[in-house]
Amino acid sequence: MTVHTDTPGTVTAVYKVSGMSCGHCEGAVSGEISQLAGVSSVTAVAASGEVTVVSAAALEDEAVRAAVDEAGFELVGRA
């Protein structure tokens, strides 16, 4: 599990997502996760299957899982 505090008031978490294969996939996952409360930045990389999320506080894994599911992909866990 990768979680670190970058600056006071922010938390960065890296998640593994399966099924992403292109820029459209990255955009779909990023778009859904960015709608979660407190999220300030989302970077999805299809090649590695990693999604980096910066938020005001740690996110509930189930909320992230629901957002990834809504985008049509599967949250494997934290990287």
Foldseek 3Di string as FASTA:
>chain_A
DDWDDDDQQKIKFKWAWPDQDDPVLQVLLQVLVCPDPFWDDWGADRVRRMIITMGRDDDDPVSSQVSNVVSPIGTPTTD
